[in-house]
Structure formats: C-alpha cells, structure tokens
Amino acid sequence: MLGLALDTIRTMPLNGLRYPPADGGSGWYIWGGENMSQSADFFSPIPVRDLSDYIPNILPFLDLPPGFRFQTDTRGHQRAWFDGSLLDV
C-alpha cells in the first residue's frame, strides 16, 4: 500500500517521499503541487500495483529505498534525493 493524494495528481510538480515501511505499507506518500497537506484525509491508501492506473510515469521512482524523495513534472524535469530526516520517524 501507499498513500496517494488523489485530488492533487493533476497538479505539478508530482512529489513523493518514502518513510521506512510499516504496518504492511510501502512507506510511499505521493502528491501533486508544491505543498503536502497535513490533513488526515489528504492521502488515500491504494495498492502499489494500482498506481499505474493513476500516474504510470512515476513507477521507476518506487525502486528508491526509504529515505528518498522525488519530484517530477510534465516538462521532463526529474529529481531524486536522499533526505535522512525521513528515517527518523
């Protein structure tokens, strides 16, 4: 499972971050736009295998280990980087 902010996936840039997996989840949280909301209902849980139904172009990023973030957009901009603070949860 991963957290996907369904209402934002058409907003650029697309962002993702990965915490260590827990409770059967992958640790991934993915949203569109500049800011991630802290609202409890911002993310919807979806099976990782279903992500291609929503945003197939980010599937390669899912191979990144916990502690990584990524950002991409429709103009070909892609960036991935390590953020150690994601491991301190």
PDB file of N, CA and C in Angstrom:
ATOM      1  N   MET A   1       0.838  -1.185   0.000  1.00  0.00           N
ATOM      2  CA  MET A   1       0.000   0.000   0.000  1.00  0.00           C
ATOM      3  C   MET A   1       0.881   1.246   0.000  1.00  0.00           C
ATOM      4  N   LEU A   2       0.327   2.320  -0.542  1.00  0.00           N
ATOM      5  CA  LEU A   2       0.984   3.620  -0.494  1.00  0.00           C
ATOM      6  C   LEU A   2      -0.088   4.678  -0.302  1.00  0.00           C
ATOM      7  N   GLY A   3       0.331   5.866   0.094  1.00  0.00           N
ATOM      8  CA  GLY A   3      -0.589   6.991   0.250  1.00  0.00           C
ATOM      9  C   GLY A   3      -0.538   7.850  -0.989  1.00  0.00           C
ATOM     10  N   LEU A   4      -1.695   8.061  -1.618  1.00  0.00           N
ATOM     11  CA  LEU A   4      -1.768   8.873  -2.822  1.00  0.00           C
ATOM     12  C   LEU A   4      -2.808   9.972  -2.613  1.00  0.00           C
ATOM     13  N   ALA A   5      -2.411  11.214  -2.825  1.00  0.00           N
ATOM     14  CA  ALA A   5      -3.325  12.351  -2.706  1.00  0.00           C
ATOM     15  C   ALA A   5      -4.066  12.481  -4.038  1.00  0.00           C
ATOM     16  N   LEU A   6      -5.146  11.743  -4.157  1.00  0.00           N
ATOM     17  CA  LEU A   6      -5.876  11.640  -5.418  1.00  0.00           C
ATOM     18  C   LEU A   6      -6.338  12.986  -5.969  1.00  0.00           C
ATOM     19  N   ASP A   7      -6.757  13.898  -5.115  1.00  0.00           N
ATOM     20  CA  ASP A   7      -7.261  15.192  -5.577  1.00  0.00           C
ATOM     21  C   ASP A   7      -6.175  16.095  -6.147  1.00  0.00           C
ATOM     22  N   THR A   8      -4.908  15.711  -6.004  1.00  0.00           N
ATOM     23  CA  THR A   8      -3.820  16.596  -6.428  1.00  0.00           C
ATOM     24  C   THR A   8      -2.980  16.052  -7.575  1.00  0.00           C
ATOM     25  N   ILE A   9      -3.263  14.854  -8.065  1.00  0.00           N
ATOM     26  CA  ILE A   9      -2.327  14.218  -9.003  1.00  0.00           C
ATOM     27  C   ILE A   9      -2.270  14.885 -10.383  1.00  0.00           C
ATOM     28  N   ARG A  10      -3.142  15.817 -10.660  1.00  0.00           N
ATOM     29  CA  ARG A  10      -3.071  16.570 -11.919  1.00  0.00           C
ATOM     30  C   ARG A  10      -2.350  17.908 -11.732  1.00  0.00           C
ATOM     31  N   THR A  11      -1.881  18.171 -10.522  1.00  0.00           N
ATOM     32  CA  THR A  11      -1.169  19.404 -10.206  1.00  0.00           C
ATOM     33  C   THR A  11       0.329  19.124 -10.216  1.00  0.00           C
ATOM     34  N   MET A  12       1.086  19.970 -10.893  1.00  0.00           N
ATOM     35  CA  MET A  12       2.532  19.790 -10.980  1.00  0.00           C
ATOM     36  C   MET A  12       3.226  20.699  -9.983  1.00  0.00           C
ATOM     37  N   PRO A  13       4.373  20.280  -9.489  1.00  0.00           N
ATOM     38  CA  PRO A  13       5.058  19.024  -9.760  1.00  0.00           C
ATOM     39  C   PRO A  13       4.456  17.882  -8.949  1.00  0.00           C
ATOM     40  N   LEU A  14       4.771  16.648  -9.373  1.00  0.00           N
ATOM     41  CA  LEU A  14       4.421  15.475  -8.578  1.00  0.00           C
ATOM     42  C   LEU A  14       5.569  15.209  -7.620  1.00  0.00           C
ATOM     43  N   ASN A  15       5.230  14.934  -6.372  1.00  0.00           N
ATOM     44  CA  ASN A  15       6.217  14.716  -5.315  1.00  0.00           C
ATOM     45  C   ASN A  15       5.987  13.369  -4.660  1.00  0.00           C
ATOM     46  N   GLY A  16       7.054  12.781  -4.199  1.00  0.00           N
ATOM     47  CA  GLY A  16       6.943  11.555  -3.432  1.00  0.00           C
ATOM     48  C   GLY A  16       8.016  11.509  -2.373  1.00  0.00           C
ATOM     49  N   LEU A  17       7.694  10.857  -1.282  1.00  0.00           N
ATOM     50  CA  LEU A  17       8.685  10.617  -0.241  1.00  0.00           C
ATOM     51  C   LEU A  17       8.440   9.235   0.335  1.00  0.00           C
ATOM     52  N   ARG A  18       9.510   8.633   0.821  1.00  0.00           N
ATOM     53  CA  ARG A  18       9.394   7.283   1.351  1.00  0.00           C
ATOM     54  C   ARG A  18       9.963   7.177   2.758  1.00  0.00           C
ATOM     55  N   TYR A  19       9.045   6.892   3.678  1.00  0.00           N
ATOM     56  CA  TYR A  19       9.418   6.558   5.049  1.00  0.00           C
ATOM     57  C   TYR A  19       9.739   5.063   5.104  1.00  0.00           C
ATOM     58  N   PRO A  20      10.321   4.579   6.186  1.00  0.00           N
ATOM     59  CA  PRO A  20      10.501   3.134   6.325  1.00  0.00           C
ATOM     60  C   PRO A  20       9.132   2.438   6.297  1.00  0.00           C
ATOM     61  N   PRO A  21       9.027   1.301   5.618  1.00  0.00           N
ATOM     62  CA  PRO A  21       7.754   0.582   5.567  1.00  0.00           C
ATOM     63  C   PRO A  21       7.277   0.201   6.970  1.00  0.00           C
ATOM     64  N   ALA A  22       5.955   0.246   7.164  1.00  0.00           N
ATOM     65  CA  ALA A  22       5.363  -0.102   8.457  1.00  0.00           C
ATOM     66  C   ALA A  22       3.933  -0.580   8.254  1.00  0.00           C
ATOM     67  N   ASP A  23       3.510  -1.488   9.079  1.00  0.00           N
ATOM     68  CA  ASP A  23       2.124  -1.954   9.093  1.00  0.00           C
ATOM     69  C   ASP A  23       1.619  -2.381   7.719  1.00  0.00           C
ATOM     70  N   GLY A  24       2.460  -3.042   6.934  1.00  0.00           N
ATOM     71  CA  GLY A  24       2.049  -3.527   5.624  1.00  0.00           C
ATOM     72  C   GLY A  24       2.096  -2.486   4.521  1.00  0.00           C
ATOM     73  N   GLY A  25       2.472  -1.259   4.848  1.00  0.00           N
ATOM     74  CA  GLY A  25       2.570  -0.203   3.840  1.00  0.00           C
ATOM     75  C   GLY A  25       3.980  -0.125   3.282  1.00  0.00           C
ATOM     76  N   SER A  26       4.105   0.488   2.119  1.00  0.00           N
ATOM     77  CA  SER A  26       5.402   0.622   1.453  1.00  0.00           C
ATOM     78  C   SER A  26       6.236   1.778   1.998  1.00  0.00           C
ATOM     79  N   GLY A  27       5.581   2.715   2.693  1.00  0.00           N
ATOM     80  CA  GLY A  27       6.260   3.913   3.169  1.00  0.00           C
ATOM     81  C   GLY A  27       6.150   5.080   2.210  1.00  0.00           C
ATOM     82  N   TRP A  28       5.601   4.853   0.996  1.00  0.00           N
ATOM     83  CA  TRP A  28       5.485   5.908  -0.004  1.00  0.00           C
ATOM     84  C   TRP A  28       4.260   6.776   0.215  1.00  0.00           C
ATOM     85  N   TYR A  29       4.460   8.093   0.030  1.00  0.00           N
ATOM     86  CA  TYR A  29       3.390   9.085   0.021  1.00  0.00           C
ATOM     87  C   TYR A  29       3.625   9.956  -1.201  1.00  0.00           C
ATOM     88  N   ILE A  30       2.606  10.093  -2.044  1.00  0.00           N
ATOM     89  CA  ILE A  30       2.741  10.783  -3.327  1.00  0.00           C
ATOM     90  C   ILE A  30       1.627  11.813  -3.461  1.00  0.00           C
ATOM     91  N   TRP A  31       2.003  13.032  -3.891  1.00  0.00           N
ATOM     92  CA  TRP A  31       1.036  14.114  -4.054  1.00  0.00           C
ATOM     93  C   TRP A  31       1.491  15.058  -5.160  1.00  0.00           C
ATOM     94  N   GLY A  32       0.564  15.861  -5.626  1.00  0.00           N
ATOM     95  CA  GLY A  32       0.867  16.882  -6.612  1.00  0.00           C
ATOM     96  C   GLY A  32       0.830  18.258  -5.980  1.00  0.00           C
ATOM     97  N   GLY A  33       1.620  19.169  -6.531  1.00  0.00           N
ATOM     98  CA  GLY A  33       1.660  20.534  -6.034  1.00  0.00           C
ATOM     99  C   GLY A  33       2.874  20.799  -5.175  1.00  0.00           C
ATOM    100  N   GLU A  34       3.002  22.031  -4.777  1.00  0.00           N
ATOM    101  CA  GLU A  34       4.178  22.458  -4.014  1.00  0.00           C
ATOM    102  C   GLU A  34       4.155  22.003  -2.563  1.00  0.00           C
ATOM    103  N   ASN A  35       2.979  21.892  -1.964  1.00  0.00           N
ATOM    104  CA  ASN A  35       2.901  21.618  -0.533  1.00  0.00           C
ATOM    105  C   ASN A  35       2.107  20.356  -0.232  1.00  0.00           C
ATOM    106  N   MET A  36       2.598  19.612   0.728  1.00  0.00           N
ATOM    107  CA  MET A  36       1.899  18.426   1.212  1.00  0.00           C
ATOM    108  C   MET A  36       1.022  18.839   2.394  1.00  0.00           C
ATOM    109  N   SER A  37      -0.244  18.544   2.309  1.00  0.00           N
ATOM    110  CA  SER A  37      -1.170  18.890   3.387  1.00  0.00           C
ATOM    111  C   SER A  37      -0.950  17.979   4.594  1.00  0.00           C
ATOM    112  N   GLN A  38      -1.199  18.489   5.765  1.00  0.00           N
ATOM    113  CA  GLN A  38      -1.135  17.698   6.994  1.00  0.00           C
ATOM    114  C   GLN A  38      -2.510  17.162   7.390  1.00  0.00           C
ATOM    115  N   SER A  39      -3.505  17.396   6.554  1.00  0.00           N
ATOM    116  CA  SER A  39      -4.862  16.931   6.821  1.00  0.00           C
ATOM    117  C   SER A  39      -4.905  15.400   6.845  1.00  0.00           C
ATOM    118  N   ALA A  40      -5.646  14.848   7.786  1.00  0.00           N
ATOM    119  CA  ALA A  40      -5.717  13.397   7.947  1.00  0.00           C
ATOM    120  C   ALA A  40      -6.296  12.696   6.726  1.00  0.00           C
ATOM    121  N   ASP A  41      -7.093  13.393   5.925  1.00  0.00           N
ATOM    122  CA  ASP A  41      -7.710  12.755   4.767  1.00  0.00           C
ATOM    123  C   ASP A  41      -7.055  13.163   3.438  1.00  0.00           C
ATOM    124  N   PHE A  42      -5.864  13.737   3.485  1.00  0.00           N
ATOM    125  CA  PHE A  42      -5.162  14.167   2.275  1.00  0.00           C
ATOM    126  C   PHE A  42      -4.778  12.976   1.399  1.00  0.00           C
ATOM    127  N   PHE A  43      -4.296  11.903   2.013  1.00  0.00           N
ATOM    128  CA  PHE A  43      -3.859  10.720   1.282  1.00  0.00           C
ATOM    129  C   PHE A  43      -4.903   9.618   1.349  1.00  0.00           C
ATOM    130  N   SER A  44      -5.047   8.915   0.223  1.00  0.00           N
ATOM    131  CA  SER A  44      -5.893   7.722   0.171  1.00  0.00           C
ATOM    132  C   SER A  44      -4.986   6.511   0.044  1.00  0.00           C
ATOM    133  N   PRO A  45      -5.250   5.452   0.775  1.00  0.00           N
ATOM    134  CA  PRO A  45      -4.436   4.243   0.632  1.00  0.00           C
ATOM    135  C   PRO A  45      -4.813   3.500  -0.649  1.00  0.00           C
ATOM    136  N   ILE A  46      -3.806   3.186  -1.458  1.00  0.00           N
ATOM    137  CA  ILE A  46      -4.052   2.385  -2.655  1.00  0.00           C
ATOM    138  C   ILE A  46      -2.964   1.320  -2.761  1.00  0.00           C
ATOM    139  N   PRO A  47      -3.279   0.180  -3.363  1.00  0.00           N
ATOM    140  CA  PRO A  47      -2.244  -0.833  -3.584  1.00  0.00           C
ATOM    141  C   PRO A  47      -1.193  -0.312  -4.570  1.00  0.00           C
ATOM    142  N   VAL A  48       0.051  -0.609  -4.310  1.00  0.00           N
ATOM    143  CA  VAL A  48       1.140  -0.165  -5.180  1.00  0.00           C
ATOM    144  C   VAL A  48       0.874  -0.618  -6.618  1.00  0.00           C
ATOM    145  N   ARG A  49       0.365  -1.815  -6.793  1.00  0.00           N
ATOM    146  CA  ARG A  49       0.125  -2.345  -8.142  1.00  0.00           C
ATOM    147  C   ARG A  49      -0.892  -1.503  -8.921  1.00  0.00           C
ATOM    148  N   ASP A  50      -1.717  -0.717  -8.242  1.00  0.00           N
ATOM    149  CA  ASP A  50      -2.726   0.107  -8.911  1.00  0.00           C
ATOM    150  C   ASP A  50      -2.223   1.504  -9.268  1.00  0.00           C
ATOM    151  N   LEU A  51      -1.018   1.859  -8.855  1.00  0.00           N
ATOM    152  CA  LEU A  51      -0.510   3.201  -9.116  1.00  0.00           C
ATOM    153  C   LEU A  51      -0.453   3.501 -10.606  1.00  0.00           C
ATOM    154  N   SER A  52      -0.166   2.487 -11.427  1.00  0.00           N
ATOM    155  CA  SER A  52      -0.080   2.717 -12.874  1.00  0.00           C
ATOM    156  C   SER A  52      -1.416   3.154 -13.463  1.00  0.00           C
ATOM    157  N   ASP A  53      -2.517   2.894 -12.777  1.00  0.00           N
ATOM    158  CA  ASP A  53      -3.828   3.367 -13.237  1.00  0.00           C
ATOM    159  C   ASP A  53      -3.970   4.883 -13.062  1.00  0.00           C
ATOM    160  N   TYR A  54      -3.179   5.462 -12.193  1.00  0.00           N
ATOM    161  CA  TYR A  54      -3.277   6.882 -11.880  1.00  0.00           C
ATOM    162  C   TYR A  54      -2.150   7.698 -12.501  1.00  0.00           C
ATOM    163  N   ILE A  55      -0.905   7.314 -12.227  1.00  0.00           N
ATOM    164  CA  ILE A  55       0.262   8.075 -12.706  1.00  0.00           C
ATOM    165  C   ILE A  55       1.410   7.105 -13.028  1.00  0.00           C
ATOM    166  N   PRO A  56       1.344   6.476 -14.200  1.00  0.00           N
ATOM    167  CA  PRO A  56       2.331   5.442 -14.543  1.00  0.00           C
ATOM    168  C   PRO A  56       3.759   5.952 -14.699  1.00  0.00           C
ATOM    169  N   ASN A  57       3.950   7.234 -15.000  1.00  0.00           N
ATOM    170  CA  ASN A  57       5.303   7.741 -15.242  1.00  0.00           C
ATOM    171  C   ASN A  57       6.179   7.776 -13.993  1.00  0.00           C
ATOM    172  N   ILE A  58       5.618   7.593 -12.820  1.00  0.00           N
ATOM    173  CA  ILE A  58       6.475   7.631 -11.631  1.00  0.00           C
ATOM    174  C   ILE A  58       6.844   6.240 -11.116  1.00  0.00           C
ATOM    175  N   LEU A  59       6.412   5.199 -11.795  1.00  0.00           N
ATOM    176  CA  LEU A  59       6.721   3.846 -11.335  1.00  0.00           C
ATOM    177  C   LEU A  59       8.221   3.600 -11.123  1.00  0.00           C
ATOM    178  N   PRO A  60       9.122   4.088 -11.970  1.00  0.00           N
ATOM    179  CA  PRO A  60      10.551   3.845 -11.722  1.00  0.00           C
ATOM    180  C   PRO A  60      11.050   4.388 -10.383  1.00  0.00           C
ATOM    181  N   PHE A  61      10.440   5.447  -9.877  1.00  0.00           N
ATOM    182  CA  PHE A  61      10.870   6.018  -8.597  1.00  0.00           C
ATOM    183  C   PHE A  61      10.577   5.081  -7.423  1.00  0.00           C
ATOM    184  N   LEU A  62       9.628   4.183  -7.575  1.00  0.00           N
ATOM    185  CA  LEU A  62       9.241   3.311  -6.464  1.00  0.00           C
ATOM    186  C   LEU A  62      10.334   2.328  -6.074  1.00  0.00           C
ATOM    187  N   ASP A  63      11.387   2.212  -6.889  1.00  0.00           N
ATOM    188  CA  ASP A  63      12.531   1.370  -6.540  1.00  0.00           C
ATOM    189  C   ASP A  63      13.473   2.051  -5.547  1.00  0.00           C
ATOM    190  N   LEU A  64      13.278   3.345  -5.310  1.00  0.00           N
ATOM    191  CA  LEU A  64      14.135   4.051  -4.358  1.00  0.00           C
ATOM    192  C   LEU A  64      13.896   3.531  -2.942  1.00  0.00           C
ATOM    193  N   PRO A  65      14.957   3.410  -2.150  1.00  0.00           N
ATOM    194  CA  PRO A  65      14.809   2.907  -0.785  1.00  0.00           C
ATOM    195  C   PRO A  65      14.241   3.973   0.165  1.00  0.00           C
ATOM    196  N   PRO A  66      13.853   3.556   1.364  1.00  0.00           N
ATOM    197  CA  PRO A  66      13.386   4.521   2.369  1.00  0.00           C
ATOM    198  C   PRO A  66      14.418   5.625   2.578  1.00  0.00           C
ATOM    199  N   GLY A  67      13.902   6.838   2.798  1.00  0.00           N
ATOM    200  CA  GLY A  67      14.762   7.995   2.994  1.00  0.00           C
ATOM    201  C   GLY A  67      14.900   8.854   1.748  1.00  0.00           C
ATOM    202  N   PHE A  68      14.288   8.440   0.655  1.00  0.00           N
ATOM    203  CA  PHE A  68      14.388   9.208  -0.582  1.00  0.00           C
ATOM    204  C   PHE A  68      13.113   9.987  -0.872  1.00  0.00           C
ATOM    205  N   ARG A  69      13.306  11.045  -1.619  1.00  0.00           N
ATOM    206  CA  ARG A  69      12.223  11.876  -2.154  1.00  0.00           C
ATOM    207  C   ARG A  69      12.417  11.958  -3.665  1.00  0.00           C
ATOM    208  N   PHE A  70      11.351  12.295  -4.378  1.00  0.00           N
ATOM    209  CA  PHE A  70      11.474  12.599  -5.793  1.00  0.00           C
ATOM    210  C   PHE A  70      10.518  13.724  -6.153  1.00  0.00           C
ATOM    211  N   GLN A  71      10.802  14.348  -7.297  1.00  0.00           N
ATOM    212  CA  GLN A  71       9.930  15.364  -7.855  1.00  0.00           C
ATOM    213  C   GLN A  71      10.028  15.267  -9.368  1.00  0.00           C
ATOM    214  N   THR A  72       8.887  15.340 -10.041  1.00  0.00           N
ATOM    215  CA  THR A  72       8.844  15.280 -11.493  1.00  0.00           C
ATOM    216  C   THR A  72       7.682  16.116 -12.005  1.00  0.00           C
ATOM    217  N   ASP A  73       7.727  16.452 -13.292  1.00  0.00           N
ATOM    218  CA  ASP A  73       6.627  17.211 -13.881  1.00  0.00           C
ATOM    219  C   ASP A  73       6.426  16.785 -15.325  1.00  0.00           C
ATOM    220  N   THR A  74       5.497  17.415 -15.999  1.00  0.00           N
ATOM    221  CA  THR A  74       5.171  17.050 -17.374  1.00  0.00           C
ATOM    222  C   THR A  74       6.152  17.614 -18.398  1.00  0.00           C
ATOM    223  N   ARG A  75       7.080  18.452 -17.967  1.00  0.00           N
ATOM    224  CA  ARG A  75       8.073  19.023 -18.880  1.00  0.00           C
ATOM    225  C   ARG A  75       9.374  18.230 -18.895  1.00  0.00           C
ATOM    226  N   GLY A  76       9.407  17.089 -18.231  1.00  0.00           N
ATOM    227  CA  GLY A  76      10.602  16.256 -18.238  1.00  0.00           C
ATOM    228  C   GLY A  76      11.550  16.486 -17.076  1.00  0.00           C
ATOM    229  N   HIS A  77      11.224  17.396 -16.185  1.00  0.00           N
ATOM    230  CA  HIS A  77      12.054  17.627 -15.004  1.00  0.00           C
ATOM    231  C   HIS A  77      11.907  16.422 -14.078  1.00  0.00           C
ATOM    232  N   GLN A  78      13.025  15.825 -13.684  1.00  0.00           N
ATOM    233  CA  GLN A  78      13.021  14.717 -12.733  1.00  0.00           C
ATOM    234  C   GLN A  78      14.180  14.896 -11.772  1.00  0.00           C
ATOM    235  N   ARG A  79      13.887  14.672 -10.501  1.00  0.00           N
ATOM    236  CA  ARG A  79      14.923  14.818  -9.484  1.00  0.00           C
ATOM    237  C   ARG A  79      14.627  13.843  -8.358  1.00  0.00           C
ATOM    238  N   ALA A  80      15.630  13.181  -7.859  1.00  0.00           N
ATOM    239  CA  ALA A  80      15.510  12.307  -6.689  1.00  0.00           C
ATOM    240  C   ALA A  80      16.678  12.612  -5.768  1.00  0.00           C
ATOM    241  N   TRP A  81      16.426  12.606  -4.454  1.00  0.00           N
ATOM    242  CA  TRP A  81      17.472  12.901  -3.492  1.00  0.00           C
ATOM    243  C   TRP A  81      17.181  12.221  -2.169  1.00  0.00           C
ATOM    244  N   PHE A  82      18.251  12.031  -1.416  1.00  0.00           N
ATOM    245  CA  PHE A  82      18.160  11.413  -0.101  1.00  0.00           C
ATOM    246  C   PHE A  82      17.843  12.472   0.952  1.00  0.00           C
ATOM    247  N   ASP A  83      16.909  12.138   1.854  1.00  0.00           N
ATOM    248  CA  ASP A  83      16.525  13.014   2.958  1.00  0.00           C
ATOM    249  C   ASP A  83      16.517  12.163   4.223  1.00  0.00           C
ATOM    250  N   GLY A  84      17.615  12.181   4.953  1.00  0.00           N
ATOM    251  CA  GLY A  84      17.759  11.358   6.149  1.00  0.00           C
ATOM    252  C   GLY A  84      16.716  11.591   7.216  1.00  0.00           C
ATOM    253  N   SER A  85      16.072  12.766   7.198  1.00  0.00           N
ATOM    254  CA  SER A  85      15.056  13.028   8.209  1.00  0.00           C
ATOM    255  C   SER A  85      13.857  12.110   8.066  1.00  0.00           C
ATOM    256  N   LEU A  86      13.659  11.528   6.900  1.00  0.00           N
ATOM    257  CA  LEU A  86      12.555  10.595   6.697  1.00  0.00           C
ATOM    258  C   LEU A  86      12.765   9.285   7.451  1.00  0.00           C
ATOM    259  N   LEU A  87      13.992   9.016   7.823  1.00  0.00           N
ATOM    260  CA  LEU A  87      14.303   7.780   8.549  1.00  0.00           C
ATOM    261  C   LEU A  87      14.161   7.941  10.055  1.00  0.00           C
ATOM    262  N   ASP A  88      13.993   9.181  10.506  1.00  0.00           N
ATOM    263  CA  ASP A  88      13.908   9.484  11.932  1.00  0.00           C
ATOM    264  C   ASP A  88      12.469   9.581  12.417  1.00  0.00           C
ATOM    265  N   VAL A  89      11.632   8.638  11.995  1.00  0.00           N
ATOM    266  CA  VAL A  89      10.212   8.681  12.391  1.00  0.00           C
ATOM    267  C   VAL A  89       9.929   7.717  13.517  1.00  0.00           C
TER     268      VAL A  89
END
